[in-house]
Protein backbone atom coordinates (compact mmCIF):
# COMPACT_ATOMS: atom_id res chain seq x y z
CA UNK A 1 22.53 -0.13 0.28
CA UNK A 2 21.40 -3.74 0.69
CA UNK A 3 17.58 -3.84 0.87
CA UNK A 4 15.18 -6.77 1.18
CA UNK A 5 11.63 -6.51 -0.17
CA UNK A 6 8.93 -8.95 0.90
CA UNK A 7 6.16 -8.84 -1.68
CA UNK A 8 8.63 -7.37 -4.13
CA UNK A 9 6.89 -8.86 -7.18
CA UNK A 10 3.65 -6.91 -6.60
CA UNK A 11 2.53 -3.51 -7.89
CA UNK A 12 4.40 -1.34 -5.39
CA UNK A 13 7.26 -3.82 -5.07
CA UNK A 14 8.05 -3.70 -8.78
CA UNK A 15 8.06 0.10 -8.73
CA UNK A 16 10.45 0.01 -5.77
CA UNK A 17 12.70 -2.42 -7.62
CA UNK A 18 12.95 -0.12 -10.62
CA UNK A 19 13.70 2.92 -8.49
CA UNK A 20 16.33 1.28 -6.29
CA UNK A 21 18.05 -0.55 -9.13
CA UNK A 22 18.44 2.81 -10.87
CA UNK A 23 19.93 4.14 -7.63
CA UNK A 24 22.48 1.31 -7.63
CA UNK A 25 21.26 -0.55 -4.53
CA UNK A 26 21.48 -4.33 -4.08
CA UNK A 27 18.03 -5.91 -3.72
CA UNK A 28 16.88 -9.20 -2.23
CA UNK A 29 13.34 -10.07 -3.29
CA UNK A 30 11.64 -12.38 -0.80
CA UNK A 31 8.81 -14.31 -2.42
CA UNK A 32 6.83 -17.55 -2.17
CA UNK A 33 8.24 -18.77 -5.47
CA UNK A 34 11.00 -17.49 -7.70
CA UNK A 35 9.62 -16.04 -10.97
CA UNK A 36 10.36 -18.12 -14.08
CA UNK A 37 12.13 -15.18 -15.72
CA UNK A 38 14.34 -14.52 -12.69
CA UNK A 39 17.23 -16.74 -13.82
CA UNK A 40 17.52 -15.09 -17.21
CA UNK A 41 17.02 -11.62 -15.83
CA UNK A 42 19.22 -12.04 -12.78
CA UNK A 43 21.90 -9.43 -12.45
CA UNK A 44 24.52 -8.45 -9.93
CA UNK A 45 22.13 -6.04 -8.23
CA UNK A 46 19.19 -8.35 -7.56
CA UNK A 47 18.54 -11.83 -6.21
CA UNK A 48 15.42 -13.81 -5.33
CA UNK A 49 14.99 -15.76 -2.09
CA UNK A 50 12.00 -17.90 -1.10
CA UNK A 51 10.47 -17.93 2.37
CA UNK A 52 11.32 -21.63 2.55
CA UNK A 53 15.00 -20.89 1.91
CA UNK A 54 15.00 -18.25 4.64
CA UNK A 55 13.36 -20.61 7.09
CA UNK A 56 16.38 -22.90 6.75
CA UNK A 57 19.04 -20.26 6.06
CA UNK A 58 18.21 -16.88 7.69
CA UNK A 59 21.86 -15.86 7.19
CA UNK A 60 20.96 -15.14 3.55
CA UNK A 61 19.73 -11.76 4.81
CA UNK A 62 22.98 -10.83 6.54
CA UNK A 63 24.26 -7.25 6.32
CA UNK A 64 20.87 -5.75 5.44
CA UNK A 65 20.42 -1.98 5.65
CA UNK A 66 16.62 -2.10 5.41
CA UNK A 67 13.72 -4.52 5.01
CA UNK A 68 10.39 -3.57 3.41
CA UNK A 69 7.41 -5.87 3.96
CA UNK A 70 4.60 -5.32 1.44
CA UNK A 71 3.31 -8.90 1.40
CA UNK A 72 -0.39 -9.67 1.78
CA UNK A 73 -3.36 -10.88 -0.26
CA UNK A 74 -5.35 -8.17 -2.02
CA UNK A 75 -8.53 -6.81 -0.41
CA UNK A 76 -9.97 -6.42 -3.92
CA UNK A 77 -11.88 -9.67 -3.99
CA UNK A 78 -15.31 -10.79 -2.80
CA UNK A 79 -15.06 -11.22 0.96
CA UNK A 80 -16.23 -14.78 1.39
CA UNK A 81 -15.38 -16.55 4.64
CA UNK A 82 -12.51 -18.29 2.86
CA UNK A 83 -11.23 -15.04 1.31
CA UNK A 84 -11.31 -13.23 4.66
CA UNK A 85 -9.26 -15.98 6.23
CA UNK A 86 -6.75 -15.79 3.37
CA UNK A 87 -6.50 -11.99 3.64
CA UNK A 88 -5.85 -12.07 7.39
CA UNK A 89 -3.50 -15.05 7.39
CA UNK A 90 -1.40 -13.75 4.49
CA UNK A 91 -0.66 -10.60 6.50
CA UNK A 92 -0.15 -12.15 9.92
CA UNK A 93 2.00 -14.99 8.59
CA UNK A 94 4.41 -12.71 6.73
CA UNK A 95 4.70 -10.29 9.64
CA UNK A 96 5.37 -13.23 11.96
CA UNK A 97 8.04 -14.51 9.58
CA UNK A 98 9.69 -11.10 9.41
CA UNK A 99 9.61 -10.79 13.20
CA UNK A 100 11.25 -14.20 13.54
CA UNK A 101 13.93 -13.32 10.98
CA UNK A 102 14.77 -10.05 12.71
CA UNK A 103 15.03 -11.76 16.07
CA UNK A 104 17.51 -14.27 14.61
CA UNK A 105 19.79 -11.63 13.11
CA UNK A 106 22.91 -10.71 14.99
CA UNK A 107 23.37 -7.62 12.84
CA UNK A 108 19.87 -6.30 12.31
CA UNK A 109 18.82 -3.85 9.58
CA UNK A 110 18.53 -0.24 10.69
CA UNK A 111 14.85 -0.08 9.73
CA UNK A 112 11.85 -2.22 8.84
CA UNK A 113 9.13 -0.61 6.72
CA UNK A 114 5.95 -2.58 7.40
CA UNK A 115 2.95 -2.06 5.13
CA UNK A 116 -0.33 -1.17 6.81
CA UNK A 117 -3.44 0.68 5.59
CA UNK A 118 -5.51 3.76 6.36
CA UNK A 119 -8.51 1.48 7.01
CA UNK A 120 -7.25 1.32 10.60
CA UNK A 121 -8.90 4.69 11.31
CA UNK A 122 -12.37 3.45 10.44
CA UNK A 123 -14.64 5.44 8.11
CA UNK A 124 -16.17 8.89 8.39
CA UNK A 125 -17.65 11.59 6.16
CA UNK A 126 -16.70 14.47 8.46
CA UNK A 127 -13.57 13.52 10.43
CA UNK A 128 -9.95 14.07 9.42
CA UNK A 129 -7.37 11.48 10.40
CA UNK A 130 -3.66 12.03 11.08
CA UNK A 131 -1.03 9.65 12.45
CA UNK A 132 -1.96 10.65 16.01
CA UNK A 133 -5.67 9.91 15.52
CA UNK A 134 -7.19 7.02 17.44
CA UNK A 135 -7.67 3.75 15.60
CA UNK A 136 -10.92 1.84 15.76
CA UNK A 137 -12.39 -1.42 14.55
CA UNK A 138 -15.63 -0.71 12.68
CA UNK A 139 -15.68 -3.34 9.94
CA UNK A 140 -13.64 -6.10 8.31
CA UNK A 141 -10.92 -3.85 6.77
CA UNK A 142 -10.25 -1.93 9.99
CA UNK A 143 -10.18 -5.17 11.98
CA UNK A 144 -7.67 -6.73 9.59
CA UNK A 145 -5.35 -3.73 9.75
CA UNK A 146 -5.55 -3.54 13.55
CA UNK A 147 -4.45 -7.19 13.78
CA UNK A 148 -1.76 -6.48 11.17
CA UNK A 149 -0.27 -3.62 13.16
CA UNK A 150 -0.51 -5.49 16.46
CA UNK A 151 1.48 -8.30 14.86
CA UNK A 152 4.01 -5.79 13.50
CA UNK A 153 4.69 -4.56 17.04
CA UNK A 154 6.41 -7.90 17.73
CA UNK A 155 9.24 -6.76 15.42
CA UNK A 156 11.79 -5.66 18.00
CA UNK A 157 15.31 -4.23 18.04
CA UNK A 158 14.96 -2.08 14.91
CA UNK A 159 13.34 1.19 13.89
CA UNK A 160 9.84 0.21 12.78
CA UNK A 161 7.75 2.29 10.36
CA UNK A 162 4.12 1.26 9.89
CA UNK A 163 3.20 2.69 6.50
CA UNK A 164 -0.55 3.26 6.37
CA UNK A 165 -1.21 3.08 2.65
CA UNK A 166 -4.12 4.80 0.87
CA UNK A 167 -5.30 4.17 -2.71
CA UNK A 168 -2.12 4.02 -4.84
CA UNK A 169 -2.63 5.38 -8.35
CA UNK A 170 -0.54 3.88 -11.13
CA UNK A 171 -0.72 2.20 -14.55
CA UNK A 172 0.73 -1.20 -13.75
CA UNK A 173 -1.52 -2.44 -10.97
CA UNK A 174 -3.51 -1.40 -7.95
CA UNK A 175 -7.05 -0.06 -8.11
CA UNK A 176 -6.71 2.74 -10.68
CA UNK A 177 -7.00 0.72 -13.93
CA UNK A 178 -10.32 -0.70 -12.69
CA UNK A 179 -11.49 2.64 -11.25
CA UNK A 180 -11.08 4.43 -14.57
CA UNK A 181 -12.52 1.61 -16.71
CA UNK A 182 -16.20 2.72 -16.51
CA UNK A 183 -15.15 6.19 -17.66
CA UNK A 184 -13.19 4.78 -20.59
CA UNK A 185 -16.34 2.86 -21.56
CA UNK A 186 -18.42 6.05 -21.35
CA UNK A 187 -20.50 4.99 -18.33
CA UNK A 188 -18.59 6.66 -15.50
CA UNK A 189 -20.20 8.52 -12.64
CA UNK A 190 -20.29 8.81 -8.90
CA UNK A 191 -20.57 5.74 -6.66
CA UNK A 192 -23.33 5.95 -4.07
CA UNK A 193 -23.71 9.49 -2.73
CA UNK A 194 -20.31 10.52 -4.14
CA UNK A 195 -19.57 12.40 -0.91
CA UNK A 196 -17.39 9.68 0.62
CA UNK A 197 -13.73 10.66 0.94
CA UNK A 198 -10.96 9.06 -1.05
CA UNK A 199 -7.39 9.38 0.19
CA UNK A 200 -4.82 8.55 -2.47
CA UNK A 201 -1.16 8.75 -3.50
CA UNK A 202 0.62 8.58 -6.87
CA UNK A 203 2.86 5.51 -7.29
CA UNK A 204 5.89 7.77 -7.78
CA UNK A 205 5.29 9.44 -4.41
CA UNK A 206 4.58 6.05 -2.82
CA UNK A 207 8.05 4.85 -3.84
CA UNK A 208 9.67 8.15 -2.85
CA UNK A 209 7.99 8.08 0.57
CA UNK A 210 9.26 4.58 1.35
CA UNK A 211 12.75 5.67 0.34
CA UNK A 212 12.36 8.83 2.45
CA UNK A 213 11.35 6.82 5.54
CA UNK A 214 14.40 4.59 5.16
CA UNK A 215 16.81 7.51 4.98
CA UNK A 216 15.26 9.65 7.75
CA UNK A 217 16.18 7.93 10.98
CA UNK A 218 13.90 10.06 13.15
CA UNK A 219 10.75 8.70 11.48
CA UNK A 220 9.13 5.72 13.19
CA UNK A 221 5.71 4.38 14.04
CA UNK A 222 2.64 5.15 11.89
CA UNK A 223 3.14 7.11 8.67
CA UNK A 224 0.21 8.00 6.41
CA UNK A 225 1.01 7.31 2.75
CA UNK A 226 -1.55 9.71 1.31
CA UNK A 227 -1.51 13.05 -0.49
CA UNK A 228 -2.26 16.25 1.47
CA UNK A 229 -5.29 16.76 -0.81
CA UNK A 230 -7.81 13.91 -0.57
CA UNK A 231 -10.94 14.16 -2.72
CA UNK A 232 -14.52 12.97 -2.60
CA UNK A 233 -15.65 10.16 -4.86
CA UNK A 234 -17.58 12.74 -6.89
CA UNK A 235 -14.49 14.95 -7.30
CA UNK A 236 -12.41 11.94 -8.31
CA UNK A 237 -14.92 10.85 -10.95
CA UNK A 238 -15.30 14.32 -12.41
CA UNK A 239 -11.52 14.69 -12.64
CA UNK A 240 -11.08 11.33 -14.41
CA UNK A 241 -13.90 12.21 -16.84
CA UNK A 242 -12.32 15.59 -17.61
CA UNK A 243 -8.80 14.18 -18.09
CA UNK A 244 -10.01 11.54 -20.55
CA UNK A 245 -12.76 13.69 -22.09
CA UNK A 246 -15.46 11.22 -21.13
CA UNK A 247 -19.05 11.80 -19.94
CA UNK A 248 -19.87 11.94 -16.24
CA UNK A 249 -23.50 11.03 -15.84
CA UNK A 250 -24.03 7.37 -14.93
CA UNK A 251 -24.17 7.05 -11.11
CA UNK A 252 -23.87 3.59 -9.57
CA UNK A 253 -26.48 3.18 -6.82
CA UNK A 254 -25.28 1.70 -3.53
CA UNK A 255 -27.66 -1.27 -3.68
CA UNK A 256 -26.36 -2.35 -7.09
CA UNK A 257 -22.75 -2.22 -5.92
CA UNK A 258 -23.59 -4.20 -2.79
CA UNK A 259 -25.35 -6.80 -4.91
CA UNK A 260 -22.39 -7.04 -7.28
CA UNK A 261 -19.46 -7.29 -4.86
CA UNK A 262 -21.04 -7.86 -1.45
CA UNK A 263 -19.22 -6.63 1.65
CA UNK A 264 -16.31 -5.41 -0.49
CA UNK A 265 -18.55 -2.43 -1.38
CA UNK A 266 -17.57 -0.95 2.01
CA UNK A 267 -14.28 0.20 0.50
CA UNK A 268 -16.04 2.18 -2.24
CA UNK A 269 -19.12 3.43 -0.37
CA UNK A 270 -17.35 4.62 2.78
CA UNK A 271 -14.12 6.53 3.06
CA UNK A 272 -11.64 8.47 5.12
CA UNK A 273 -10.07 11.91 4.88
CA UNK A 274 -6.47 11.09 5.81
CA UNK A 275 -3.58 13.57 5.94
CA UNK A 276 0.19 12.83 5.87
CA UNK A 277 1.14 15.02 8.83
CA UNK A 278 4.28 13.08 9.77
CA UNK A 279 5.93 13.02 6.32
CA UNK A 280 5.25 16.74 5.90
CA UNK A 281 6.65 17.45 9.38
CA UNK A 282 9.94 15.81 8.38
CA UNK A 283 10.16 17.64 5.06
CA UNK A 284 8.75 15.22 2.51
CA UNK A 285 7.56 17.00 -0.65
CA UNK A 286 5.03 15.35 -2.95
CA UNK A 287 5.67 15.41 -6.68
CA UNK A 288 1.93 14.94 -7.26
CA UNK A 289 0.01 16.45 -4.34
CA UNK A 290 -3.12 17.24 -6.38
CA UNK A 291 -5.29 14.81 -8.29
CA UNK A 292 -5.46 16.59 -11.67
CA UNK A 293 -1.67 16.63 -12.12
CA UNK A 294 -1.41 13.03 -10.89
CA UNK A 295 -3.95 11.76 -13.41
CA UNK A 296 -2.47 13.82 -16.22
CA UNK A 297 0.85 12.08 -15.56
CA UNK A 298 -0.89 8.70 -15.73
CA UNK A 299 -2.81 9.48 -18.92
């Protein structure tokens, strides 16, 4: 297959690259700038294309089977006015560029996998969210994702999957290295009440789910990229402490977290219990459905 990845140099993008190169697919990595090591590492299976090149030569994406758009600035930064603008614009601009590219293609890819996030459901301590649940704007993250998905709906003429991503656990990026750090230093504990839900997915299953969505032509619309077994913040912390044989006794009060990271604390102090009903309906099987086995694999 011939697959384009926007944001292919990020955490999930690199994992996708490794998986699909092993499968023998040809990859086109769309990025703002070509990595310095790309020329030396370039091989028959992979090529790098900048957004600027595509703006002038959209034909470079001819004969695509699938396009995956993961591009967007990280939410893991202090949400200043400038940062919020960067977070929103990075998502809307790339979606707009993808929509324009698709509209220009005579032979369109069969599917576009567009990254989204479970923040679109809002937060709750007692509700469970599936792909059919209503979406609601409650805060900055949910507002960003709502705009993101609205923009994605302009991508026409192809099967569109909006992948609502939860916390992706892996060694090489994402939130997990920072989440486990306090435990490795011996000062780990619950955050706030500890009762807030955390929906998550192992990086291996994240990659497998994207691949699954590409190959199953009946899947479209929202897809929750989350394990069937979400945990509370307290359960997560206790599991990390047990896996690494570290103490679990140093809770982080809400007011200290808010003082340290500002509005970003919303992500850690509030949560969602999200279930992957659509992937399960179509037969997707998780390699790491439960947290203990997932963290043992990452140890």
